[in-house]
Amino acid sequence: MKLKAFPFTLKGVVEEWLFSMTSRYIRTWNDLKRKFLEKYFPASQAVNIRKEIYGIRQLYSETLSKY
C-alpha cells in the first residue's frame, strides 16, 4: 500500500527521480525507502544534524521556554 501511495506525495524533481527508477531497483517499500533516503537524506547529513542537536546548549540569559 505504501509503495503504491508514495508517488502521489511527490512533486517536481523528486517525482521525476522516482519515475526514472526502473522496477528492477524498487520492488518493495524497504527498497524504495532505502533508495529515497540515500538520495535525499544521506547518512552524512543525518550525522551532522544529530551533532547539531546534541550540541544545543541553553544560554545563560535565555529562558527555559526560549531554549
N, C-alpha and C. Protein backbone atom coordinates (compact mmCIF):
# COMPACT_ATOMS: atom_id res chain seq x y z
N MET A 1 0.82 -1.18 0.00
CA MET A 1 0.00 0.00 0.00
C MET A 1 0.87 1.26 0.00
N LYS A 2 1.89 1.31 0.88
CA LYS A 2 2.77 2.47 0.95
C LYS A 2 3.48 2.69 -0.37
N LEU A 3 3.93 1.60 -0.96
CA LEU A 3 4.67 1.67 -2.22
C LEU A 3 3.82 2.28 -3.33
N LYS A 4 2.55 1.96 -3.35
CA LYS A 4 1.66 2.47 -4.39
C LYS A 4 1.23 3.91 -4.11
N ALA A 5 1.11 4.29 -2.85
CA ALA A 5 0.65 5.63 -2.48
C ALA A 5 1.76 6.68 -2.51
N PHE A 6 2.98 6.27 -2.28
CA PHE A 6 4.10 7.21 -2.15
C PHE A 6 4.26 8.14 -3.35
N PRO A 7 4.17 7.68 -4.59
CA PRO A 7 4.36 8.60 -5.73
C PRO A 7 3.40 9.79 -5.74
N PHE A 8 2.23 9.64 -5.16
CA PHE A 8 1.26 10.73 -5.13
C PHE A 8 1.63 11.82 -4.14
N THR A 9 2.63 11.58 -3.30
CA THR A 9 3.08 12.57 -2.31
C THR A 9 4.24 13.40 -2.84
N LEU A 10 4.71 13.11 -4.03
CA LEU A 10 5.89 13.77 -4.57
C LEU A 10 5.55 14.78 -5.66
N LYS A 11 6.44 15.76 -5.82
CA LYS A 11 6.29 16.75 -6.88
C LYS A 11 7.67 17.12 -7.40
N GLY A 12 7.70 17.63 -8.60
CA GLY A 12 8.92 18.19 -9.18
C GLY A 12 10.03 17.19 -9.40
N VAL A 13 11.22 17.59 -9.02
CA VAL A 13 12.43 16.80 -9.26
C VAL A 13 12.36 15.43 -8.59
N VAL A 14 11.81 15.39 -7.40
CA VAL A 14 11.73 14.12 -6.67
C VAL A 14 10.79 13.15 -7.40
N GLU A 15 9.69 13.67 -7.90
CA GLU A 15 8.76 12.83 -8.66
C GLU A 15 9.44 12.31 -9.93
N GLU A 16 10.17 13.18 -10.61
CA GLU A 16 10.90 12.76 -11.81
C GLU A 16 11.93 11.68 -11.48
N TRP A 17 12.63 11.86 -10.35
CA TRP A 17 13.63 10.86 -9.93
C TRP A 17 12.96 9.51 -9.73
N LEU A 18 11.83 9.50 -9.03
CA LEU A 18 11.15 8.24 -8.75
C LEU A 18 10.74 7.54 -10.04
N PHE A 19 10.16 8.29 -10.97
CA PHE A 19 9.70 7.67 -12.20
C PHE A 19 10.84 7.27 -13.13
N SER A 20 12.04 7.82 -12.90
CA SER A 20 13.20 7.42 -13.69
C SER A 20 13.79 6.10 -13.20
N MET A 21 13.45 5.73 -11.98
CA MET A 21 13.93 4.46 -11.42
C MET A 21 13.14 3.33 -12.08
N THR A 22 13.83 2.31 -12.46
CA THR A 22 13.13 1.18 -13.07
C THR A 22 12.63 0.24 -11.99
N SER A 23 11.70 -0.60 -12.33
CA SER A 23 11.12 -1.52 -11.36
C SER A 23 12.14 -2.54 -10.85
N ARG A 24 13.23 -2.72 -11.57
CA ARG A 24 14.23 -3.68 -11.09
C ARG A 24 14.97 -3.16 -9.86
N TYR A 25 14.95 -1.83 -9.65
CA TYR A 25 15.60 -1.25 -8.47
C TYR A 25 14.67 -1.19 -7.27
N ILE A 26 13.39 -1.05 -7.52
CA ILE A 26 12.43 -0.88 -6.43
C ILE A 26 11.33 -1.93 -6.56
N ARG A 27 11.37 -2.88 -5.66
CA ARG A 27 10.35 -3.94 -5.65
C ARG A 27 9.51 -3.94 -4.39
N THR A 28 10.08 -3.38 -3.31
CA THR A 28 9.37 -3.37 -2.02
C THR A 28 9.44 -1.97 -1.42
N TRP A 29 8.65 -1.76 -0.38
CA TRP A 29 8.67 -0.49 0.34
C TRP A 29 10.07 -0.23 0.90
N ASN A 30 10.72 -1.26 1.43
CA ASN A 30 12.05 -1.08 2.00
C ASN A 30 13.06 -0.68 0.93
N ASP A 31 12.94 -1.23 -0.28
CA ASP A 31 13.80 -0.81 -1.39
C ASP A 31 13.62 0.68 -1.67
N LEU A 32 12.37 1.11 -1.76
CA LEU A 32 12.07 2.50 -2.05
C LEU A 32 12.58 3.41 -0.94
N LYS A 33 12.31 3.02 0.29
CA LYS A 33 12.73 3.82 1.43
C LYS A 33 14.25 3.99 1.45
N ARG A 34 14.97 2.90 1.24
CA ARG A 34 16.43 2.94 1.25
C ARG A 34 16.96 3.84 0.14
N LYS A 35 16.45 3.69 -1.08
CA LYS A 35 16.89 4.50 -2.21
C LYS A 35 16.58 5.98 -1.99
N PHE A 36 15.38 6.27 -1.50
CA PHE A 36 14.97 7.65 -1.26
C PHE A 36 15.87 8.30 -0.21
N LEU A 37 16.11 7.61 0.89
CA LEU A 37 16.95 8.17 1.94
C LEU A 37 18.40 8.34 1.48
N GLU A 38 18.92 7.39 0.71
CA GLU A 38 20.28 7.52 0.18
C GLU A 38 20.39 8.75 -0.71
N LYS A 39 19.38 9.00 -1.52
CA LYS A 39 19.40 10.10 -2.48
C LYS A 39 19.18 11.46 -1.83
N TYR A 40 18.17 11.55 -0.96
CA TYR A 40 17.74 12.85 -0.45
C TYR A 40 18.07 13.11 1.02
N PHE A 41 18.57 12.13 1.72
CA PHE A 41 18.93 12.31 3.12
C PHE A 41 20.09 11.38 3.45
N PRO A 42 21.28 11.67 2.90
CA PRO A 42 22.42 10.77 3.09
C PRO A 42 22.85 10.69 4.56
N ALA A 43 23.52 9.62 4.90
CA ALA A 43 23.95 9.37 6.28
C ALA A 43 24.79 10.52 6.83
N SER A 44 25.63 11.11 5.99
CA SER A 44 26.48 12.22 6.45
C SER A 44 25.64 13.40 6.92
N GLN A 45 24.54 13.66 6.25
CA GLN A 45 23.65 14.74 6.65
C GLN A 45 22.98 14.41 7.98
N ALA A 46 22.58 13.17 8.16
CA ALA A 46 21.95 12.75 9.41
C ALA A 46 22.93 12.90 10.57
N VAL A 47 24.19 12.56 10.34
CA VAL A 47 25.21 12.69 11.38
C VAL A 47 25.39 14.15 11.77
N ASN A 48 25.44 15.03 10.78
CA ASN A 48 25.61 16.46 11.07
C ASN A 48 24.43 17.02 11.84
N ILE A 49 23.23 16.63 11.48
CA ILE A 49 22.04 17.10 12.20
C ILE A 49 22.05 16.57 13.63
N ARG A 50 22.41 15.31 13.80
CA ARG A 50 22.47 14.72 15.13
C ARG A 50 23.48 15.47 16.01
N LYS A 51 24.65 15.80 15.45
CA LYS A 51 25.68 16.54 16.20
C LYS A 51 25.16 17.91 16.60
N GLU A 52 24.46 18.56 15.69
CA GLU A 52 23.90 19.88 15.97
C GLU A 52 22.88 19.82 17.10
N ILE A 53 22.03 18.81 17.07
CA ILE A 53 21.01 18.65 18.12
C ILE A 53 21.66 18.35 19.46
N TYR A 54 22.64 17.46 19.48
CA TYR A 54 23.31 17.10 20.74
C TYR A 54 24.11 18.27 21.30
N GLY A 55 24.54 19.19 20.44
CA GLY A 55 25.37 20.30 20.87
C GLY A 55 24.60 21.52 21.33
N ILE A 56 23.29 21.47 21.34
CA ILE A 56 22.48 22.61 21.75
C ILE A 56 22.68 22.85 23.25
N ARG A 57 22.95 24.12 23.58
CA ARG A 57 23.14 24.50 24.98
C ARG A 57 22.30 25.73 25.28
N GLN A 58 21.74 25.76 26.45
CA GLN A 58 20.96 26.91 26.87
C GLN A 58 21.91 28.04 27.25
N LEU A 59 21.67 29.22 26.71
CA LEU A 59 22.47 30.39 27.05
C LEU A 59 22.11 30.88 28.44
N TYR A 60 23.06 31.50 29.12
CA TYR A 60 22.84 31.97 30.48
C TYR A 60 21.65 32.92 30.56
N SER A 61 21.53 33.82 29.57
CA SER A 61 20.46 34.83 29.60
C SER A 61 19.15 34.32 28.97
N GLU A 62 19.13 33.10 28.51
CA GLU A 62 17.98 32.56 27.79
C GLU A 62 17.03 31.87 28.76
N THR A 63 15.74 32.16 28.62
CA THR A 63 14.75 31.49 29.49
C THR A 63 14.58 30.05 29.00
N LEU A 64 14.04 29.23 29.86
CA LEU A 64 13.85 27.84 29.50
C LEU A 64 12.89 27.69 28.32
N SER A 65 11.84 28.50 28.29
CA SER A 65 10.88 28.41 27.19
C SER A 65 11.51 28.83 25.86
N LYS A 66 12.40 29.82 25.86
CA LYS A 66 13.08 30.21 24.62
C LYS A 66 14.09 29.15 24.21
N TYR A 67 14.71 28.51 25.21
CA TYR A 67 15.68 27.46 24.93
C TYR A 67 15.00 26.31 24.23
